[in-house]
Amino acid sequence: MFEKSYRTAIKTASWRVVATTDTFLISWFITGKLTLAGAIAGIEVFTKLFLYYAHERVWNRVAFGKVAMAKTSYVAKH
């Protein structure tokens, strides 16, 4: 089983929305300033986009915990 790079890219983007929203809310809660929270979240979104993508691609090459699916044909009986 090998994950295509476009799947990793889509997973990366969807995760960034969730994670950056979390970072923004935590930053706003701690600082009480929307502009500072936005700046923190804005920087974080770019750095962690690349880190997550690279992390996923490396783990995709690791066989640990993966199980190959048997190639069998399934014929439905009517």
PDB file of N, CA and C in Angstrom:
ATOM      1  N   MET A   1       0.847  -1.172   0.000  1.00  0.00           N
ATOM      2  CA  MET A   1       0.000   0.000   0.000  1.00  0.00           C
ATOM      3  C   MET A   1       0.893   1.235   0.000  1.00  0.00           C
ATOM      4  N   PHE A   2       0.650   2.074  -0.962  1.00  0.00           N
ATOM      5  CA  PHE A   2       1.444   3.284  -1.092  1.00  0.00           C
ATOM      6  C   PHE A   2       0.505   4.443  -1.339  1.00  0.00           C
ATOM      7  N   GLU A   3       0.658   5.486  -0.587  1.00  0.00           N
ATOM      8  CA  GLU A   3      -0.212   6.646  -0.707  1.00  0.00           C
ATOM      9  C   GLU A   3       0.307   7.579  -1.788  1.00  0.00           C
ATOM     10  N   LYS A   4      -0.563   7.980  -2.681  1.00  0.00           N
ATOM     11  CA  LYS A   4      -0.187   8.924  -3.737  1.00  0.00           C
ATOM     12  C   LYS A   4       0.108  10.284  -3.113  1.00  0.00           C
ATOM     13  N   SER A   5       0.986  11.046  -3.748  1.00  0.00           N
ATOM     14  CA  SER A   5       1.383  12.337  -3.187  1.00  0.00           C
ATOM     15  C   SER A   5       0.225  13.334  -3.136  1.00  0.00           C
ATOM     16  N   TYR A   6      -0.715  13.261  -4.093  1.00  0.00           N
ATOM     17  CA  TYR A   6      -1.842  14.195  -4.053  1.00  0.00           C
ATOM     18  C   TYR A   6      -2.754  13.915  -2.869  1.00  0.00           C
ATOM     19  N   ARG A   7      -2.864  12.648  -2.442  1.00  0.00           N
ATOM     20  CA  ARG A   7      -3.648  12.325  -1.249  1.00  0.00           C
ATOM     21  C   ARG A   7      -2.989  12.959  -0.014  1.00  0.00           C
ATOM     22  N   THR A   8      -1.666  12.860   0.055  1.00  0.00           N
ATOM     23  CA  THR A   8      -0.940  13.475   1.161  1.00  0.00           C
ATOM     24  C   THR A   8      -1.143  14.983   1.151  1.00  0.00           C
ATOM     25  N   ALA A   9      -1.132  15.596  -0.012  1.00  0.00           N
ATOM     26  CA  ALA A   9      -1.324  17.046  -0.115  1.00  0.00           C
ATOM     27  C   ALA A   9      -2.720  17.452   0.365  1.00  0.00           C
ATOM     28  N   ILE A  10      -3.741  16.699   0.018  1.00  0.00           N
ATOM     29  CA  ILE A  10      -5.109  17.004   0.455  1.00  0.00           C
ATOM     30  C   ILE A  10      -5.243  16.811   1.962  1.00  0.00           C
ATOM     31  N   LYS A  11      -4.659  15.742   2.478  1.00  0.00           N
ATOM     32  CA  LYS A  11      -4.675  15.524   3.927  1.00  0.00           C
ATOM     33  C   LYS A  11      -3.936  16.657   4.645  1.00  0.00           C
ATOM     34  N   THR A  12      -2.833  17.099   4.066  1.00  0.00           N
ATOM     35  CA  THR A  12      -2.058  18.191   4.645  1.00  0.00           C
ATOM     36  C   THR A  12      -2.898  19.460   4.724  1.00  0.00           C
ATOM     37  N   ALA A  13      -3.576  19.797   3.641  1.00  0.00           N
ATOM     38  CA  ALA A  13      -4.382  21.019   3.609  1.00  0.00           C
ATOM     39  C   ALA A  13      -5.543  20.951   4.601  1.00  0.00           C
ATOM     40  N   SER A  14      -6.233  19.824   4.649  1.00  0.00           N
ATOM     41  CA  SER A  14      -7.376  19.726   5.570  1.00  0.00           C
ATOM     42  C   SER A  14      -6.913  19.770   7.024  1.00  0.00           C
ATOM     43  N   TRP A  15      -5.802  19.140   7.303  1.00  0.00           N
ATOM     44  CA  TRP A  15      -5.283  19.183   8.669  1.00  0.00           C
ATOM     45  C   TRP A  15      -4.842  20.598   9.041  1.00  0.00           C
ATOM     46  N   ARG A  16      -4.265  21.324   8.102  1.00  0.00           N
ATOM     47  CA  ARG A  16      -3.802  22.679   8.394  1.00  0.00           C
ATOM     48  C   ARG A  16      -4.963  23.579   8.790  1.00  0.00           C
ATOM     49  N   VAL A  17      -6.115  23.415   8.170  1.00  0.00           N
ATOM     50  CA  VAL A  17      -7.278  24.223   8.540  1.00  0.00           C
ATOM     51  C   VAL A  17      -7.630  23.978  10.005  1.00  0.00           C
ATOM     52  N   VAL A  18      -7.695  22.720  10.389  1.00  0.00           N
ATOM     53  CA  VAL A  18      -8.028  22.370  11.782  1.00  0.00           C
ATOM     54  C   VAL A  18      -6.950  22.868  12.736  1.00  0.00           C
ATOM     55  N   ALA A  19      -5.707  22.562  12.441  1.00  0.00           N
ATOM     56  CA  ALA A  19      -4.604  22.889  13.343  1.00  0.00           C
ATOM     57  C   ALA A  19      -4.373  24.393  13.461  1.00  0.00           C
ATOM     58  N   THR A  20      -4.486  25.127  12.363  1.00  0.00           N
ATOM     59  CA  THR A  20      -4.265  26.563  12.410  1.00  0.00           C
ATOM     60  C   THR A  20      -5.395  27.261  13.164  1.00  0.00           C
ATOM     61  N   THR A  21      -6.610  26.768  12.998  1.00  0.00           N
ATOM     62  CA  THR A  21      -7.724  27.308  13.783  1.00  0.00           C
ATOM     63  C   THR A  21      -7.463  27.111  15.267  1.00  0.00           C
ATOM     64  N   ASP A  22      -6.976  25.953  15.616  1.00  0.00           N
ATOM     65  CA  ASP A  22      -6.628  25.658  17.004  1.00  0.00           C
ATOM     66  C   ASP A  22      -5.540  26.595  17.509  1.00  0.00           C
ATOM     67  N   THR A  23      -4.490  26.772  16.735  1.00  0.00           N
ATOM     68  CA  THR A  23      -3.395  27.667  17.115  1.00  0.00           C
ATOM     69  C   THR A  23      -3.893  29.100  17.283  1.00  0.00           C
ATOM     70  N   PHE A  24      -4.734  29.546  16.357  1.00  0.00           N
ATOM     71  CA  PHE A  24      -5.283  30.896  16.436  1.00  0.00           C
ATOM     72  C   PHE A  24      -6.090  31.086  17.716  1.00  0.00           C
ATOM     73  N   LEU A  25      -6.967  30.139  18.009  1.00  0.00           N
ATOM     74  CA  LEU A  25      -7.814  30.258  19.200  1.00  0.00           C
ATOM     75  C   LEU A  25      -7.001  30.221  20.493  1.00  0.00           C
ATOM     76  N   ILE A  26      -6.026  29.342  20.556  1.00  0.00           N
ATOM     77  CA  ILE A  26      -5.164  29.274  21.746  1.00  0.00           C
ATOM     78  C   ILE A  26      -4.364  30.571  21.895  1.00  0.00           C
ATOM     79  N   SER A  27      -3.812  31.054  20.782  1.00  0.00           N
ATOM     80  CA  SER A  27      -3.030  32.298  20.819  1.00  0.00           C
ATOM     81  C   SER A  27      -3.891  33.476  21.247  1.00  0.00           C
ATOM     82  N   TRP A  28      -5.101  33.542  20.753  1.00  0.00           N
ATOM     83  CA  TRP A  28      -6.031  34.613  21.119  1.00  0.00           C
ATOM     84  C   TRP A  28      -6.388  34.534  22.593  1.00  0.00           C
ATOM     85  N   PHE A  29      -6.635  33.301  23.058  1.00  0.00           N
ATOM     86  CA  PHE A  29      -6.965  33.101  24.470  1.00  0.00           C
ATOM     87  C   PHE A  29      -5.811  33.550  25.382  1.00  0.00           C
ATOM     88  N   ILE A  30      -4.595  33.196  25.017  1.00  0.00           N
ATOM     89  CA  ILE A  30      -3.431  33.523  25.843  1.00  0.00           C
ATOM     90  C   ILE A  30      -3.077  35.002  25.785  1.00  0.00           C
ATOM     91  N   THR A  31      -3.078  35.578  24.569  1.00  0.00           N
ATOM     92  CA  THR A  31      -2.648  36.970  24.422  1.00  0.00           C
ATOM     93  C   THR A  31      -3.791  37.977  24.556  1.00  0.00           C
ATOM     94  N   GLY A  32      -4.995  37.558  24.227  1.00  0.00           N
ATOM     95  CA  GLY A  32      -6.134  38.470  24.231  1.00  0.00           C
ATOM     96  C   GLY A  32      -6.127  39.436  23.062  1.00  0.00           C
ATOM     97  N   LYS A  33      -5.244  39.206  22.100  1.00  0.00           N
ATOM     98  CA  LYS A  33      -5.109  40.116  20.960  1.00  0.00           C
ATOM     99  C   LYS A  33      -5.319  39.358  19.648  1.00  0.00           C
ATOM    100  N   LEU A  34      -6.327  39.800  18.897  1.00  0.00           N
ATOM    101  CA  LEU A  34      -6.624  39.150  17.614  1.00  0.00           C
ATOM    102  C   LEU A  34      -5.475  39.286  16.621  1.00  0.00           C
ATOM    103  N   THR A  35      -4.855  40.452  16.565  1.00  0.00           N
ATOM    104  CA  THR A  35      -3.781  40.661  15.592  1.00  0.00           C
ATOM    105  C   THR A  35      -2.566  39.784  15.886  1.00  0.00           C
ATOM    106  N   LEU A  36      -2.214  39.671  17.152  1.00  0.00           N
ATOM    107  CA  LEU A  36      -1.086  38.814  17.525  1.00  0.00           C
ATOM    108  C   LEU A  36      -1.423  37.346  17.272  1.00  0.00           C
ATOM    109  N   ALA A  37      -2.634  36.945  17.606  1.00  0.00           N
ATOM    110  CA  ALA A  37      -3.069  35.564  17.350  1.00  0.00           C
ATOM    111  C   ALA A  37      -3.045  35.266  15.856  1.00  0.00           C
ATOM    112  N   GLY A  38      -3.476  36.226  15.056  1.00  0.00           N
ATOM    113  CA  GLY A  38      -3.452  36.057  13.606  1.00  0.00           C
ATOM    114  C   GLY A  38      -2.040  35.949  13.062  1.00  0.00           C
ATOM    115  N   ALA A  39      -1.131  36.735  13.621  1.00  0.00           N
ATOM    116  CA  ALA A  39       0.269  36.684  13.181  1.00  0.00           C
ATOM    117  C   ALA A  39       0.893  35.329  13.519  1.00  0.00           C
ATOM    118  N   ILE A  40       0.628  34.852  14.719  1.00  0.00           N
ATOM    119  CA  ILE A  40       1.157  33.542  15.134  1.00  0.00           C
ATOM    120  C   ILE A  40       0.602  32.445  14.238  1.00  0.00           C
ATOM    121  N   ALA A  41      -0.711  32.442  14.034  1.00  0.00           N
ATOM    122  CA  ALA A  41      -1.346  31.424  13.190  1.00  0.00           C
ATOM    123  C   ALA A  41      -0.875  31.538  11.746  1.00  0.00           C
ATOM    124  N   GLY A  42      -0.650  32.768  11.278  1.00  0.00           N
ATOM    125  CA  GLY A  42      -0.193  32.975   9.904  1.00  0.00           C
ATOM    126  C   GLY A  42       1.187  32.409   9.638  1.00  0.00           C
ATOM    127  N   ILE A  43       2.078  32.569  10.579  1.00  0.00           N
ATOM    128  CA  ILE A  43       3.428  32.008  10.442  1.00  0.00           C
ATOM    129  C   ILE A  43       3.378  30.489  10.558  1.00  0.00           C
ATOM    130  N   GLU A  44       2.633  30.023  11.525  1.00  0.00           N
ATOM    131  CA  GLU A  44       2.536  28.593  11.814  1.00  0.00           C
ATOM    132  C   GLU A  44       1.957  27.802  10.647  1.00  0.00           C
ATOM    133  N   VAL A  45       1.000  28.380   9.944  1.00  0.00           N
ATOM    134  CA  VAL A  45       0.362  27.645   8.850  1.00  0.00           C
ATOM    135  C   VAL A  45       1.371  27.252   7.771  1.00  0.00           C
ATOM    136  N   PHE A  46       2.301  28.131   7.455  1.00  0.00           N
ATOM    137  CA  PHE A  46       3.276  27.827   6.404  1.00  0.00           C
ATOM    138  C   PHE A  46       4.359  26.861   6.867  1.00  0.00           C
ATOM    139  N   THR A  47       4.895  27.070   8.046  1.00  0.00           N
ATOM    140  CA  THR A  47       5.968  26.182   8.508  1.00  0.00           C
ATOM    141  C   THR A  47       5.457  24.761   8.701  1.00  0.00           C
ATOM    142  N   LYS A  48       4.299  24.633   9.290  1.00  0.00           N
ATOM    143  CA  LYS A  48       3.789  23.293   9.580  1.00  0.00           C
ATOM    144  C   LYS A  48       3.180  22.601   8.372  1.00  0.00           C
ATOM    145  N   LEU A  49       2.808  23.360   7.343  1.00  0.00           N
ATOM    146  CA  LEU A  49       2.365  22.741   6.095  1.00  0.00           C
ATOM    147  C   LEU A  49       3.482  21.867   5.531  1.00  0.00           C
ATOM    148  N   PHE A  50       4.649  22.434   5.436  1.00  0.00           N
ATOM    149  CA  PHE A  50       5.784  21.711   4.872  1.00  0.00           C
ATOM    150  C   PHE A  50       6.239  20.579   5.790  1.00  0.00           C
ATOM    151  N   LEU A  51       6.257  20.824   7.086  1.00  0.00           N
ATOM    152  CA  LEU A  51       6.670  19.785   8.029  1.00  0.00           C
ATOM    153  C   LEU A  51       5.714  18.587   8.006  1.00  0.00           C
ATOM    154  N   TYR A  52       4.412  18.848   7.985  1.00  0.00           N
ATOM    155  CA  TYR A  52       3.427  17.764   7.969  1.00  0.00           C
ATOM    156  C   TYR A  52       3.534  16.952   6.682  1.00  0.00           C
ATOM    157  N   TYR A  53       3.634  17.626   5.545  1.00  0.00           N
ATOM    158  CA  TYR A  53       3.741  16.941   4.266  1.00  0.00           C
ATOM    159  C   TYR A  53       4.958  16.016   4.246  1.00  0.00           C
ATOM    160  N   ALA A  54       6.093  16.530   4.670  1.00  0.00           N
ATOM    161  CA  ALA A  54       7.318  15.726   4.710  1.00  0.00           C
ATOM    162  C   ALA A  54       7.161  14.555   5.681  1.00  0.00           C
ATOM    163  N   HIS A  55       6.573  14.799   6.825  1.00  0.00           N
ATOM    164  CA  HIS A  55       6.341  13.760   7.827  1.00  0.00           C
ATOM    165  C   HIS A  55       5.480  12.642   7.259  1.00  0.00           C
ATOM    166  N   GLU A  56       4.394  12.990   6.578  1.00  0.00           N
ATOM    167  CA  GLU A  56       3.507  11.994   5.980  1.00  0.00           C
ATOM    168  C   GLU A  56       4.216  11.182   4.901  1.00  0.00           C
ATOM    169  N   ARG A  57       5.024  11.836   4.070  1.00  0.00           N
ATOM    170  CA  ARG A  57       5.718  11.137   2.980  1.00  0.00           C
ATOM    171  C   ARG A  57       6.748  10.155   3.546  1.00  0.00           C
ATOM    172  N   VAL A  58       7.437  10.546   4.604  1.00  0.00           N
ATOM    173  CA  VAL A  58       8.402   9.640   5.231  1.00  0.00           C
ATOM    174  C   VAL A  58       7.670   8.435   5.807  1.00  0.00           C
ATOM    175  N   TRP A  59       6.597   8.671   6.565  1.00  0.00           N
ATOM    176  CA  TRP A  59       5.854   7.569   7.167  1.00  0.00           C
ATOM    177  C   TRP A  59       5.215   6.666   6.125  1.00  0.00           C
ATOM    178  N   ASN A  60       4.900   7.196   4.957  1.00  0.00           N
ATOM    179  CA  ASN A  60       4.330   6.381   3.896  1.00  0.00           C
ATOM    180  C   ASN A  60       5.332   5.323   3.409  1.00  0.00           C
ATOM    181  N   ARG A  61       6.602   5.602   3.570  1.00  0.00           N
ATOM    182  CA  ARG A  61       7.644   4.666   3.133  1.00  0.00           C
ATOM    183  C   ARG A  61       8.002   3.632   4.210  1.00  0.00           C
ATOM    184  N   VAL A  62       7.518   3.834   5.411  1.00  0.00           N
ATOM    185  CA  VAL A  62       7.814   2.924   6.512  1.00  0.00           C
ATOM    186  C   VAL A  62       6.793   1.791   6.512  1.00  0.00           C
ATOM    187  N   ALA A  63       7.273   0.570   6.525  1.00  0.00           N
ATOM    188  CA  ALA A  63       6.381  -0.591   6.467  1.00  0.00           C
ATOM    189  C   ALA A  63       5.735  -0.915   7.811  1.00  0.00           C
ATOM    190  N   PHE A  64       6.271  -0.386   8.878  1.00  0.00           N
ATOM    191  CA  PHE A  64       5.774  -0.673  10.220  1.00  0.00           C
ATOM    192  C   PHE A  64       4.261  -0.437  10.324  1.00  0.00           C
ATOM    193  N   GLY A  65       3.533  -1.473  10.730  1.00  0.00           N
ATOM    194  CA  GLY A  65       2.095  -1.353  10.957  1.00  0.00           C
ATOM    195  C   GLY A  65       1.230  -1.445   9.716  1.00  0.00           C
ATOM    196  N   LYS A  66       1.829  -1.682   8.563  1.00  0.00           N
ATOM    197  CA  LYS A  66       1.054  -1.820   7.326  1.00  0.00           C
ATOM    198  C   LYS A  66       0.830  -3.294   7.030  1.00  0.00           C
ATOM    199  N   VAL A  67      -0.320  -3.590   6.485  1.00  0.00           N
ATOM    200  CA  VAL A  67      -0.645  -4.951   6.086  1.00  0.00           C
ATOM    201  C   VAL A  67      -1.060  -4.907   4.626  1.00  0.00           C
ATOM    202  N   ALA A  68      -0.432  -5.733   3.834  1.00  0.00           N
ATOM    203  CA  ALA A  68      -0.772  -5.790   2.417  1.00  0.00           C
ATOM    204  C   ALA A  68      -2.098  -6.514   2.249  1.00  0.00           C
ATOM    205  N   MET A  69      -2.919  -5.992   1.368  1.00  0.00           N
ATOM    206  CA  MET A  69      -4.195  -6.640   1.090  1.00  0.00           C
ATOM    207  C   MET A  69      -3.968  -7.724   0.042  1.00  0.00           C
ATOM    208  N   ALA A  70      -4.589  -8.870   0.260  1.00  0.00           N
ATOM    209  CA  ALA A  70      -4.467  -9.971  -0.692  1.00  0.00           C
ATOM    210  C   ALA A  70      -5.201  -9.609  -1.973  1.00  0.00           C
ATOM    211  N   LYS A  71      -4.610  -9.973  -3.091  1.00  0.00           N
ATOM    212  CA  LYS A  71      -5.245  -9.708  -4.372  1.00  0.00           C
ATOM    213  C   LYS A  71      -6.124 -10.908  -4.718  1.00  0.00           C
ATOM    214  N   THR A  72      -7.376 -10.763  -4.431  1.00  0.00           N
ATOM    215  CA  THR A  72      -8.332 -11.821  -4.749  1.00  0.00           C
ATOM    216  C   THR A  72      -9.492 -11.218  -5.501  1.00  0.00           C
ATOM    217  N   SER A  73     -10.102 -12.026  -6.304  1.00  0.00           N
ATOM    218  CA  SER A  73     -11.282 -11.525  -7.006  1.00  0.00           C
ATOM    219  C   SER A  73     -12.521 -12.003  -6.263  1.00  0.00           C
ATOM    220  N   TYR A  74     -13.474 -11.140  -6.154  1.00  0.00           N
ATOM    221  CA  TYR A  74     -14.703 -11.448  -5.459  1.00  0.00           C
ATOM    222  C   TYR A  74     -15.812 -11.538  -6.484  1.00  0.00           C
ATOM    223  N   VAL A  75     -16.436 -12.670  -6.518  1.00  0.00           N
ATOM    224  CA  VAL A  75     -17.547 -12.868  -7.436  1.00  0.00           C
ATOM    225  C   VAL A  75     -18.801 -13.053  -6.601  1.00  0.00           C
ATOM    226  N   ALA A  76     -19.741 -12.144  -6.788  1.00  0.00           N
ATOM    227  CA  ALA A  76     -20.987 -12.223  -6.035  1.00  0.00           C
ATOM    228  C   ALA A  76     -21.853 -13.333  -6.609  1.00  0.00           C
ATOM    229  N   LYS A  77     -22.389 -14.142  -5.714  1.00  0.00           N
ATOM    230  CA  LYS A  77     -23.281 -15.212  -6.141  1.00  0.00           C
ATOM    231  C   LYS A  77     -24.715 -14.736  -6.031  1.00  0.00           C
ATOM    232  N   HIS A  78     -25.465 -14.941  -7.069  1.00  0.00           N
ATOM    233  CA  HIS A  78     -26.878 -14.519  -7.067  1.00  0.00           C
ATOM    234  C   HIS A  78     -27.768 -15.700  -6.906  1.00  0.00           C
TER     235      HIS A  78
END
